[in-house]
Amino acid sequence: MVYTIVVHLYAKDSAESISKLHSKLVEASDVYSKDQETISWFVMQDHQDKRAFTIVERYKHESSQKYHLENPYWKTFNPYVEPLLEKPMDLRRFNELE
């Protein structure tokens, strides 16, 4: 069963925060998409509210997250991203229906 994590992020109201968050998410997608047992790891920006971003992480199994968490890049992601956010990340976990 595919295990999916959806994360909503809301940038601070500054062009610099939005730009830095945008760049970091694109970079993270490139890095994490290569992790073992990752089906996809993609990012989106709201078409109207440029401060709103979403990450969709899809893994073969719930246990597949371990490869993501073991990636050295993971330790750098939150410390960089959190100061750019207006509010805490909203993270939700799902099992995709078959």
PDB file of N, CA and C in Angstrom:
ATOM      1  N   MET A   1       0.836  -1.172   0.000  1.00  0.00           N
ATOM      2  CA  MET A   1       0.000   0.000   0.000  1.00  0.00           C
ATOM      3  C   MET A   1       0.887   1.243   0.000  1.00  0.00           C
ATOM      4  N   VAL A   2       0.600   2.172  -0.873  1.00  0.00           N
ATOM      5  CA  VAL A   2       1.391   3.397  -0.968  1.00  0.00           C
ATOM      6  C   VAL A   2       1.099   4.286   0.244  1.00  0.00           C
ATOM      7  N   TYR A   3       2.171   4.761   0.848  1.00  0.00           N
ATOM      8  CA  TYR A   3       2.097   5.631   2.015  1.00  0.00           C
ATOM      9  C   TYR A   3       2.428   7.048   1.555  1.00  0.00           C
ATOM     10  N   THR A   4       1.572   7.993   1.890  1.00  0.00           N
ATOM     11  CA  THR A   4       1.717   9.362   1.393  1.00  0.00           C
ATOM     12  C   THR A   4       1.727  10.361   2.545  1.00  0.00           C
ATOM     13  N   ILE A   5       2.621  11.312   2.443  1.00  0.00           N
ATOM     14  CA  ILE A   5       2.678  12.419   3.381  1.00  0.00           C
ATOM     15  C   ILE A   5       2.422  13.696   2.592  1.00  0.00           C
ATOM     16  N   VAL A   6       1.524  14.516   3.104  1.00  0.00           N
ATOM     17  CA  VAL A   6       1.221  15.809   2.494  1.00  0.00           C
ATOM     18  C   VAL A   6       1.564  16.881   3.522  1.00  0.00           C
ATOM     19  N   VAL A   7       2.396  17.824   3.102  1.00  0.00           N
ATOM     20  CA  VAL A   7       2.844  18.889   3.998  1.00  0.00           C
ATOM     21  C   VAL A   7       2.469  20.242   3.391  1.00  0.00           C
ATOM     22  N   HIS A   8       1.761  21.042   4.172  1.00  0.00           N
ATOM     23  CA  HIS A   8       1.420  22.397   3.743  1.00  0.00           C
ATOM     24  C   HIS A   8       2.345  23.370   4.468  1.00  0.00           C
ATOM     25  N   LEU A   9       2.924  24.302   3.709  1.00  0.00           N
ATOM     26  CA  LEU A   9       3.834  25.299   4.261  1.00  0.00           C
ATOM     27  C   LEU A   9       3.333  26.679   3.849  1.00  0.00           C
ATOM     28  N   TYR A  10       3.489  27.644   4.752  1.00  0.00           N
ATOM     29  CA  TYR A  10       3.040  29.006   4.465  1.00  0.00           C
ATOM     30  C   TYR A  10       4.180  29.970   4.785  1.00  0.00           C
ATOM     31  N   ALA A  11       4.736  30.578   3.747  1.00  0.00           N
ATOM     32  CA  ALA A  11       5.904  31.444   3.881  1.00  0.00           C
ATOM     33  C   ALA A  11       5.557  32.767   4.557  1.00  0.00           C
ATOM     34  N   LYS A  12       6.564  33.356   5.175  1.00  0.00           N
ATOM     35  CA  LYS A  12       6.415  34.705   5.713  1.00  0.00           C
ATOM     36  C   LYS A  12       6.129  35.664   4.560  1.00  0.00           C
ATOM     37  N   ASP A  13       5.543  36.796   4.895  1.00  0.00           N
ATOM     38  CA  ASP A  13       5.123  37.770   3.889  1.00  0.00           C
ATOM     39  C   ASP A  13       6.293  38.645   3.443  1.00  0.00           C
ATOM     40  N   SER A  14       7.264  38.014   2.790  1.00  0.00           N
ATOM     41  CA  SER A  14       8.376  38.769   2.214  1.00  0.00           C
ATOM     42  C   SER A  14       8.827  38.051   0.949  1.00  0.00           C
ATOM     43  N   ALA A  15       9.211  38.832  -0.040  1.00  0.00           N
ATOM     44  CA  ALA A  15       9.668  38.247  -1.306  1.00  0.00           C
ATOM     45  C   ALA A  15      10.876  37.337  -1.075  1.00  0.00           C
ATOM     46  N   GLU A  16      11.734  37.719  -0.142  1.00  0.00           N
ATOM     47  CA  GLU A  16      12.927  36.914   0.141  1.00  0.00           C
ATOM     48  C   GLU A  16      12.552  35.543   0.714  1.00  0.00           C
ATOM     49  N   SER A  17      11.628  35.509   1.670  1.00  0.00           N
ATOM     50  CA  SER A  17      11.212  34.228   2.262  1.00  0.00           C
ATOM     51  C   SER A  17      10.558  33.334   1.221  1.00  0.00           C
ATOM     52  N   ILE A  18       9.709  33.911   0.402  1.00  0.00           N
ATOM     53  CA  ILE A  18       9.019  33.137  -0.638  1.00  0.00           C
ATOM     54  C   ILE A  18      10.035  32.575  -1.626  1.00  0.00           C
ATOM     55  N   SER A  19      10.960  33.390  -2.056  1.00  0.00           N
ATOM     56  CA  SER A  19      11.975  32.949  -3.015  1.00  0.00           C
ATOM     57  C   SER A  19      12.878  31.865  -2.437  1.00  0.00           C
ATOM     58  N   LYS A  20      13.329  32.060  -1.205  1.00  0.00           N
ATOM     59  CA  LYS A  20      14.199  31.056  -0.569  1.00  0.00           C
ATOM     60  C   LYS A  20      13.459  29.736  -0.364  1.00  0.00           C
ATOM     61  N   LEU A  21      12.205  29.812   0.066  1.00  0.00           N
ATOM     62  CA  LEU A  21      11.429  28.595   0.275  1.00  0.00           C
ATOM     63  C   LEU A  21      11.208  27.877  -1.053  1.00  0.00           C
ATOM     64  N   HIS A  22      10.854  28.615  -2.068  1.00  0.00           N
ATOM     65  CA  HIS A  22      10.659  28.051  -3.400  1.00  0.00           C
ATOM     66  C   HIS A  22      11.909  27.291  -3.851  1.00  0.00           C
ATOM     67  N   SER A  23      13.056  27.933  -3.755  1.00  0.00           N
ATOM     68  CA  SER A  23      14.314  27.315  -4.193  1.00  0.00           C
ATOM     69  C   SER A  23      14.661  26.074  -3.379  1.00  0.00           C
ATOM     70  N   LYS A  24      14.459  26.170  -2.070  1.00  0.00           N
ATOM     71  CA  LYS A  24      14.792  25.034  -1.199  1.00  0.00           C
ATOM     72  C   LYS A  24      13.887  23.838  -1.504  1.00  0.00           C
ATOM     73  N   LEU A  25      12.610  24.079  -1.760  1.00  0.00           N
ATOM     74  CA  LEU A  25      11.692  22.982  -2.063  1.00  0.00           C
ATOM     75  C   LEU A  25      12.027  22.320  -3.389  1.00  0.00           C
ATOM     76  N   VAL A  26      12.403  23.099  -4.375  1.00  0.00           N
ATOM     77  CA  VAL A  26      12.814  22.523  -5.670  1.00  0.00           C
ATOM     78  C   VAL A  26      14.065  21.662  -5.474  1.00  0.00           C
ATOM     79  N   GLU A  27      15.011  22.176  -4.717  1.00  0.00           N
ATOM     80  CA  GLU A  27      16.238  21.425  -4.419  1.00  0.00           C
ATOM     81  C   GLU A  27      15.920  20.136  -3.668  1.00  0.00           C
ATOM     82  N   ALA A  28      15.064  20.233  -2.648  1.00  0.00           N
ATOM     83  CA  ALA A  28      14.698  19.061  -1.843  1.00  0.00           C
ATOM     84  C   ALA A  28      14.017  17.999  -2.697  1.00  0.00           C
ATOM     85  N   SER A  29      13.166  18.418  -3.600  1.00  0.00           N
ATOM     86  CA  SER A  29      12.491  17.464  -4.472  1.00  0.00           C
ATOM     87  C   SER A  29      13.499  16.693  -5.307  1.00  0.00           C
ATOM     88  N   ASP A  30      14.489  17.390  -5.821  1.00  0.00           N
ATOM     89  CA  ASP A  30      15.527  16.732  -6.620  1.00  0.00           C
ATOM     90  C   ASP A  30      16.298  15.716  -5.790  1.00  0.00           C
ATOM     91  N   VAL A  31      16.615  16.076  -4.551  1.00  0.00           N
ATOM     92  CA  VAL A  31      17.376  15.185  -3.667  1.00  0.00           C
ATOM     93  C   VAL A  31      16.526  13.995  -3.233  1.00  0.00           C
ATOM     94  N   TYR A  32      15.348  14.266  -2.688  1.00  0.00           N
ATOM     95  CA  TYR A  32      14.531  13.210  -2.102  1.00  0.00           C
ATOM     96  C   TYR A  32      13.900  12.275  -3.127  1.00  0.00           C
ATOM     97  N   SER A  33      13.705  12.740  -4.333  1.00  0.00           N
ATOM     98  CA  SER A  33      13.117  11.880  -5.368  1.00  0.00           C
ATOM     99  C   SER A  33      14.011  10.688  -5.683  1.00  0.00           C
ATOM    100  N   LYS A  34      15.280  10.803  -5.334  1.00  0.00           N
ATOM    101  CA  LYS A  34      16.251   9.733  -5.608  1.00  0.00           C
ATOM    102  C   LYS A  34      16.364   8.728  -4.463  1.00  0.00           C
ATOM    103  N   ASP A  35      15.692   9.002  -3.328  1.00  0.00           N
ATOM    104  CA  ASP A  35      15.782   8.084  -2.189  1.00  0.00           C
ATOM    105  C   ASP A  35      15.169   6.724  -2.522  1.00  0.00           C
ATOM    106  N   GLN A  36      15.760   5.711  -1.955  1.00  0.00           N
ATOM    107  CA  GLN A  36      15.271   4.345  -2.126  1.00  0.00           C
ATOM    108  C   GLN A  36      13.818   4.252  -1.652  1.00  0.00           C
ATOM    109  N   GLU A  37      13.000   3.536  -2.392  1.00  0.00           N
ATOM    110  CA  GLU A  37      11.584   3.271  -2.102  1.00  0.00           C
ATOM    111  C   GLU A  37      10.710   4.529  -2.114  1.00  0.00           C
ATOM    112  N   THR A  38      11.227   5.602  -2.681  1.00  0.00           N
ATOM    113  CA  THR A  38      10.414   6.797  -2.874  1.00  0.00           C
ATOM    114  C   THR A  38       9.782   6.712  -4.258  1.00  0.00           C
ATOM    115  N   ILE A  39       8.472   6.780  -4.310  1.00  0.00           N
ATOM    116  CA  ILE A  39       7.759   6.757  -5.589  1.00  0.00           C
ATOM    117  C   ILE A  39       7.810   8.143  -6.218  1.00  0.00           C
ATOM    118  N   SER A  40       7.509   9.150  -5.409  1.00  0.00           N
ATOM    119  CA  SER A  40       7.603  10.531  -5.889  1.00  0.00           C
ATOM    120  C   SER A  40       7.694  11.469  -4.704  1.00  0.00           C
ATOM    121  N   TRP A  41       8.307  12.592  -4.934  1.00  0.00           N
ATOM    122  CA  TRP A  41       8.460  13.633  -3.912  1.00  0.00           C
ATOM    123  C   TRP A  41       8.397  14.938  -4.668  1.00  0.00           C
ATOM    124  N   PHE A  42       7.213  15.533  -4.697  1.00  0.00           N
ATOM    125  CA  PHE A  42       7.082  16.740  -5.504  1.00  0.00           C
ATOM    126  C   PHE A  42       6.478  17.881  -4.716  1.00  0.00           C
ATOM    127  N   VAL A  43       6.708  19.086  -5.239  1.00  0.00           N
ATOM    128  CA  VAL A  43       6.304  20.304  -4.545  1.00  0.00           C
ATOM    129  C   VAL A  43       5.439  21.159  -5.465  1.00  0.00           C
ATOM    130  N   MET A  44       4.568  21.928  -4.828  1.00  0.00           N
ATOM    131  CA  MET A  44       3.660  22.786  -5.577  1.00  0.00           C
ATOM    132  C   MET A  44       3.551  24.133  -4.873  1.00  0.00           C
ATOM    133  N   GLN A  45       3.210  25.150  -5.656  1.00  0.00           N
ATOM    134  CA  GLN A  45       2.937  26.476  -5.116  1.00  0.00           C
ATOM    135  C   GLN A  45       1.533  26.864  -5.556  1.00  0.00           C
ATOM    136  N   ASP A  46       0.768  27.413  -4.627  1.00  0.00           N
ATOM    137  CA  ASP A  46      -0.602  27.817  -4.925  1.00  0.00           C
ATOM    138  C   ASP A  46      -0.616  28.792  -6.105  1.00  0.00           C
ATOM    139  N   HIS A  47      -1.587  28.653  -6.966  1.00  0.00           N
ATOM    140  CA  HIS A  47      -1.637  29.492  -8.164  1.00  0.00           C
ATOM    141  C   HIS A  47      -2.084  30.929  -7.873  1.00  0.00           C
ATOM    142  N   GLN A  48      -2.678  31.161  -6.700  1.00  0.00           N
ATOM    143  CA  GLN A  48      -3.098  32.519  -6.341  1.00  0.00           C
ATOM    144  C   GLN A  48      -2.320  33.087  -5.161  1.00  0.00           C
ATOM    145  N   ASP A  49      -2.112  32.287  -4.149  1.00  0.00           N
ATOM    146  CA  ASP A  49      -1.398  32.737  -2.951  1.00  0.00           C
ATOM    147  C   ASP A  49       0.041  32.229  -3.027  1.00  0.00           C
ATOM    148  N   LYS A  50       0.947  33.080  -3.427  1.00  0.00           N
ATOM    149  CA  LYS A  50       2.346  32.687  -3.648  1.00  0.00           C
ATOM    150  C   LYS A  50       3.067  32.298  -2.360  1.00  0.00           C
ATOM    151  N   ARG A  51       2.454  32.540  -1.213  1.00  0.00           N
ATOM    152  CA  ARG A  51       3.051  32.162   0.073  1.00  0.00           C
ATOM    153  C   ARG A  51       2.738  30.714   0.438  1.00  0.00           C
ATOM    154  N   ALA A  52       1.787  30.101  -0.239  1.00  0.00           N
ATOM    155  CA  ALA A  52       1.316  28.748   0.108  1.00  0.00           C
ATOM    156  C   ALA A  52       1.978  27.696  -0.779  1.00  0.00           C
ATOM    157  N   PHE A  53       2.596  26.722  -0.135  1.00  0.00           N
ATOM    158  CA  PHE A  53       3.282  25.625  -0.822  1.00  0.00           C
ATOM    159  C   PHE A  53       2.780  24.295  -0.266  1.00  0.00           C
ATOM    160  N   THR A  54       2.888  23.258  -1.072  1.00  0.00           N
ATOM    161  CA  THR A  54       2.533  21.907  -0.639  1.00  0.00           C
ATOM    162  C   THR A  54       3.589  20.930  -1.133  1.00  0.00           C
ATOM    163  N   ILE A  55       3.936  20.002  -0.265  1.00  0.00           N
ATOM    164  CA  ILE A  55       4.830  18.887  -0.606  1.00  0.00           C
ATOM    165  C   ILE A  55       3.982  17.623  -0.581  1.00  0.00           C
ATOM    166  N   VAL A  56       4.141  16.768  -1.580  1.00  0.00           N
ATOM    167  CA  VAL A  56       3.497  15.456  -1.582  1.00  0.00           C
ATOM    168  C   VAL A  56       4.615  14.419  -1.702  1.00  0.00           C
ATOM    169  N   GLU A  57       4.730  13.606  -0.662  1.00  0.00           N
ATOM    170  CA  GLU A  57       5.752  12.556  -0.602  1.00  0.00           C
ATOM    171  C   GLU A  57       5.049  11.206  -0.713  1.00  0.00           C
ATOM    172  N   ARG A  58       5.436  10.400  -1.678  1.00  0.00           N
ATOM    173  CA  ARG A  58       4.813   9.084  -1.850  1.00  0.00           C
ATOM    174  C   ARG A  58       5.890   8.003  -1.728  1.00  0.00           C
ATOM    175  N   TYR A  59       5.619   7.046  -0.843  1.00  0.00           N
ATOM    176  CA  TYR A  59       6.566   5.967  -0.563  1.00  0.00           C
ATOM    177  C   TYR A  59       5.913   4.607  -0.803  1.00  0.00           C
ATOM    178  N   LYS A  60       6.736   3.619  -1.119  1.00  0.00           N
ATOM    179  CA  LYS A  60       6.207   2.269  -1.347  1.00  0.00           C
ATOM    180  C   LYS A  60       5.494   1.733  -0.115  1.00  0.00           C
ATOM    181  N   HIS A  61       6.039   2.023   1.061  1.00  0.00           N
ATOM    182  CA  HIS A  61       5.484   1.536   2.331  1.00  0.00           C
ATOM    183  C   HIS A  61       5.715   2.609   3.402  1.00  0.00           C
ATOM    184  N   GLU A  62       5.005   2.513   4.491  1.00  0.00           N
ATOM    185  CA  GLU A  62       5.255   3.436   5.593  1.00  0.00           C
ATOM    186  C   GLU A  62       6.700   3.325   6.065  1.00  0.00           C
ATOM    187  N   SER A  63       7.219   2.124   6.098  1.00  0.00           N
ATOM    188  CA  SER A  63       8.598   1.898   6.546  1.00  0.00           C
ATOM    189  C   SER A  63       9.636   2.519   5.600  1.00  0.00           C
ATOM    190  N   SER A  64       9.238   2.845   4.398  1.00  0.00           N
ATOM    191  CA  SER A  64      10.155   3.445   3.420  1.00  0.00           C
ATOM    192  C   SER A  64      10.648   4.821   3.852  1.00  0.00           C
ATOM    193  N   GLN A  65       9.938   5.458   4.768  1.00  0.00           N
ATOM    194  CA  GLN A  65      10.349   6.771   5.269  1.00  0.00           C
ATOM    195  C   GLN A  65      11.752   6.739   5.863  1.00  0.00           C
ATOM    196  N   LYS A  66      12.163   5.571   6.330  1.00  0.00           N
ATOM    197  CA  LYS A  66      13.467   5.483   6.979  1.00  0.00           C
ATOM    198  C   LYS A  66      14.583   5.941   6.044  1.00  0.00           C
ATOM    199  N   TYR A  67      14.453   5.658   4.745  1.00  0.00           N
ATOM    200  CA  TYR A  67      15.476   6.089   3.796  1.00  0.00           C
ATOM    201  C   TYR A  67      15.479   7.611   3.678  1.00  0.00           C
ATOM    202  N   HIS A  68      14.305   8.185   3.734  1.00  0.00           N
ATOM    203  CA  HIS A  68      14.174   9.644   3.691  1.00  0.00           C
ATOM    204  C   HIS A  68      14.820  10.266   4.931  1.00  0.00           C
ATOM    205  N   LEU A  69      14.515   9.719   6.097  1.00  0.00           N
ATOM    206  CA  LEU A  69      15.026  10.260   7.353  1.00  0.00           C
ATOM    207  C   LEU A  69      16.524  10.016   7.528  1.00  0.00           C
ATOM    208  N   GLU A  70      17.053   8.994   6.857  1.00  0.00           N
ATOM    209  CA  GLU A  70      18.486   8.698   6.925  1.00  0.00           C
ATOM    210  C   GLU A  70      19.299   9.517   5.931  1.00  0.00           C
ATOM    211  N   ASN A  71      18.633  10.185   5.014  1.00  0.00           N
ATOM    212  CA  ASN A  71      19.331  11.015   4.034  1.00  0.00           C
ATOM    213  C   ASN A  71      19.970  12.193   4.776  1.00  0.00           C
ATOM    214  N   PRO A  72      21.271  12.417   4.610  1.00  0.00           N
ATOM    215  CA  PRO A  72      21.936  13.519   5.324  1.00  0.00           C
ATOM    216  C   PRO A  72      21.303  14.891   5.052  1.00  0.00           C
ATOM    217  N   TYR A  73      20.676  15.043   3.919  1.00  0.00           N
ATOM    218  CA  TYR A  73      20.033  16.314   3.565  1.00  0.00           C
ATOM    219  C   TYR A  73      18.889  16.637   4.525  1.00  0.00           C
ATOM    220  N   TRP A  74      18.237  15.606   5.042  1.00  0.00           N
ATOM    221  CA  TRP A  74      17.073  15.792   5.921  1.00  0.00           C
ATOM    222  C   TRP A  74      17.422  16.656   7.136  1.00  0.00           C
ATOM    223  N   LYS A  75      18.616  16.465   7.687  1.00  0.00           N
ATOM    224  CA  LYS A  75      19.013  17.220   8.888  1.00  0.00           C
ATOM    225  C   LYS A  75      19.178  18.714   8.604  1.00  0.00           C
ATOM    226  N   THR A  76      19.348  19.081   7.347  1.00  0.00           N
ATOM    227  CA  THR A  76      19.534  20.496   7.000  1.00  0.00           C
ATOM    228  C   THR A  76      18.227  21.161   6.578  1.00  0.00           C
ATOM    229  N   PHE A  77      17.227  20.365   6.241  1.00  0.00           N
ATOM    230  CA  PHE A  77      16.005  20.909   5.650  1.00  0.00           C
ATOM    231  C   PHE A  77      15.198  21.762   6.635  1.00  0.00           C
ATOM    232  N   ASN A  78      14.765  21.182   7.736  1.00  0.00           N
ATOM    233  CA  ASN A  78      13.923  21.921   8.688  1.00  0.00           C
ATOM    234  C   ASN A  78      14.619  23.166   9.257  1.00  0.00           C
ATOM    235  N   PRO A  79      15.888  23.071   9.667  1.00  0.00           N
ATOM    236  CA  PRO A  79      16.534  24.278  10.196  1.00  0.00           C
ATOM    237  C   PRO A  79      16.578  25.434   9.181  1.00  0.00           C
ATOM    238  N   TYR A  80      16.638  25.114   7.902  1.00  0.00           N
ATOM    239  CA  TYR A  80      16.643  26.158   6.874  1.00  0.00           C
ATOM    240  C   TYR A  80      15.236  26.692   6.618  1.00  0.00           C
ATOM    241  N   VAL A  81      14.272  25.776   6.536  1.00  0.00           N
ATOM    242  CA  VAL A  81      12.913  26.132   6.127  1.00  0.00           C
ATOM    243  C   VAL A  81      12.114  26.806   7.243  1.00  0.00           C
ATOM    244  N   GLU A  82      12.187  26.312   8.454  1.00  0.00           N
ATOM    245  CA  GLU A  82      11.315  26.806   9.532  1.00  0.00           C
ATOM    246  C   GLU A  82      11.387  28.324   9.750  1.00  0.00           C
ATOM    247  N   PRO A  83      12.563  28.960   9.696  1.00  0.00           N
ATOM    248  CA  PRO A  83      12.592  30.422   9.872  1.00  0.00           C
ATOM    249  C   PRO A  83      11.914  31.200   8.735  1.00  0.00           C
ATOM    250  N   LEU A  84      11.663  30.542   7.615  1.00  0.00           N
ATOM    251  CA  LEU A  84      11.017  31.188   6.475  1.00  0.00           C
ATOM    252  C   LEU A  84       9.498  31.129   6.547  1.00  0.00           C
ATOM    253  N   LEU A  85       8.971  30.387   7.533  1.00  0.00           N
ATOM    254  CA  LEU A  85       7.538  30.126   7.593  1.00  0.00           C
ATOM    255  C   LEU A  85       6.800  31.064   8.547  1.00  0.00           C
ATOM    256  N   GLU A  86       5.594  31.412   8.147  1.00  0.00           N
ATOM    257  CA  GLU A  86       4.694  32.232   8.966  1.00  0.00           C
ATOM    258  C   GLU A  86       4.124  31.419  10.129  1.00  0.00           C
ATOM    259  N   LYS A  87       3.885  30.119   9.862  1.00  0.00           N
ATOM    260  CA  LYS A  87       3.302  29.227  10.869  1.00  0.00           C
ATOM    261  C   LYS A  87       3.914  27.840  10.699  1.00  0.00           C
ATOM    262  N   PRO A  88       3.775  26.968  11.691  1.00  0.00           N
ATOM    263  CA  PRO A  88       4.367  25.626  11.595  1.00  0.00           C
ATOM    264  C   PRO A  88       3.823  24.833  10.402  1.00  0.00           C
ATOM    265  N   MET A  89       4.654  23.926   9.925  1.00  0.00           N
ATOM    266  CA  MET A  89       4.229  23.040   8.835  1.00  0.00           C
ATOM    267  C   MET A  89       3.027  22.214   9.278  1.00  0.00           C
ATOM    268  N   ASP A  90       2.111  21.992   8.366  1.00  0.00           N
ATOM    269  CA  ASP A  90       0.930  21.150   8.603  1.00  0.00           C
ATOM    270  C   ASP A  90       1.176  19.837   7.870  1.00  0.00           C
ATOM    271  N   LEU A  91       1.522  18.793   8.618  1.00  0.00           N
ATOM    272  CA  LEU A  91       1.899  17.506   8.049  1.00  0.00           C
ATOM    273  C   LEU A  91       0.788  16.488   8.282  1.00  0.00           C
ATOM    274  N   ARG A  92       0.395  15.814   7.215  1.00  0.00           N
ATOM    275  CA  ARG A  92      -0.652  14.794   7.306  1.00  0.00           C
ATOM    276  C   ARG A  92      -0.193  13.520   6.617  1.00  0.00           C
ATOM    277  N   ARG A  93      -0.587  12.386   7.187  1.00  0.00           N
ATOM    278  CA  ARG A  93      -0.136  11.077   6.682  1.00  0.00           C
ATOM    279  C   ARG A  93      -1.344  10.273   6.196  1.00  0.00           C
ATOM    280  N   PHE A  94      -1.148   9.591   5.058  1.00  0.00           N
ATOM    281  CA  PHE A  94      -2.246   8.844   4.433  1.00  0.00           C
ATOM    282  C   PHE A  94      -1.767   7.495   3.892  1.00  0.00           C
ATOM    283  N   ASN A  95      -2.706   6.564   3.817  1.00  0.00           N
ATOM    284  CA  ASN A  95      -2.520   5.337   3.054  1.00  0.00           C
ATOM    285  C   ASN A  95      -3.408   5.482   1.824  1.00  0.00           C
ATOM    286  N   GLU A  96      -2.811   5.373   0.637  1.00  0.00           N
ATOM    287  CA  GLU A  96      -3.599   5.518  -0.570  1.00  0.00           C
ATOM    288  C   GLU A  96      -4.529   4.338  -0.738  1.00  0.00           C
ATOM    289  N   LEU A  97      -5.715   4.616  -1.213  1.00  0.00           N
ATOM    290  CA  LEU A  97      -6.698   3.565  -1.433  1.00  0.00           C
ATOM    291  C   LEU A  97      -6.326   2.760  -2.667  1.00  0.00           C
ATOM    292  N   GLU A  98      -6.619   1.478  -2.597  1.00  0.00           N
ATOM    293  CA  GLU A  98      -6.316   0.607  -3.736  1.00  0.00           C
ATOM    294  C   GLU A  98      -7.596   0.231  -4.442  1.00  0.00           C
TER     295      GLU A  98
END
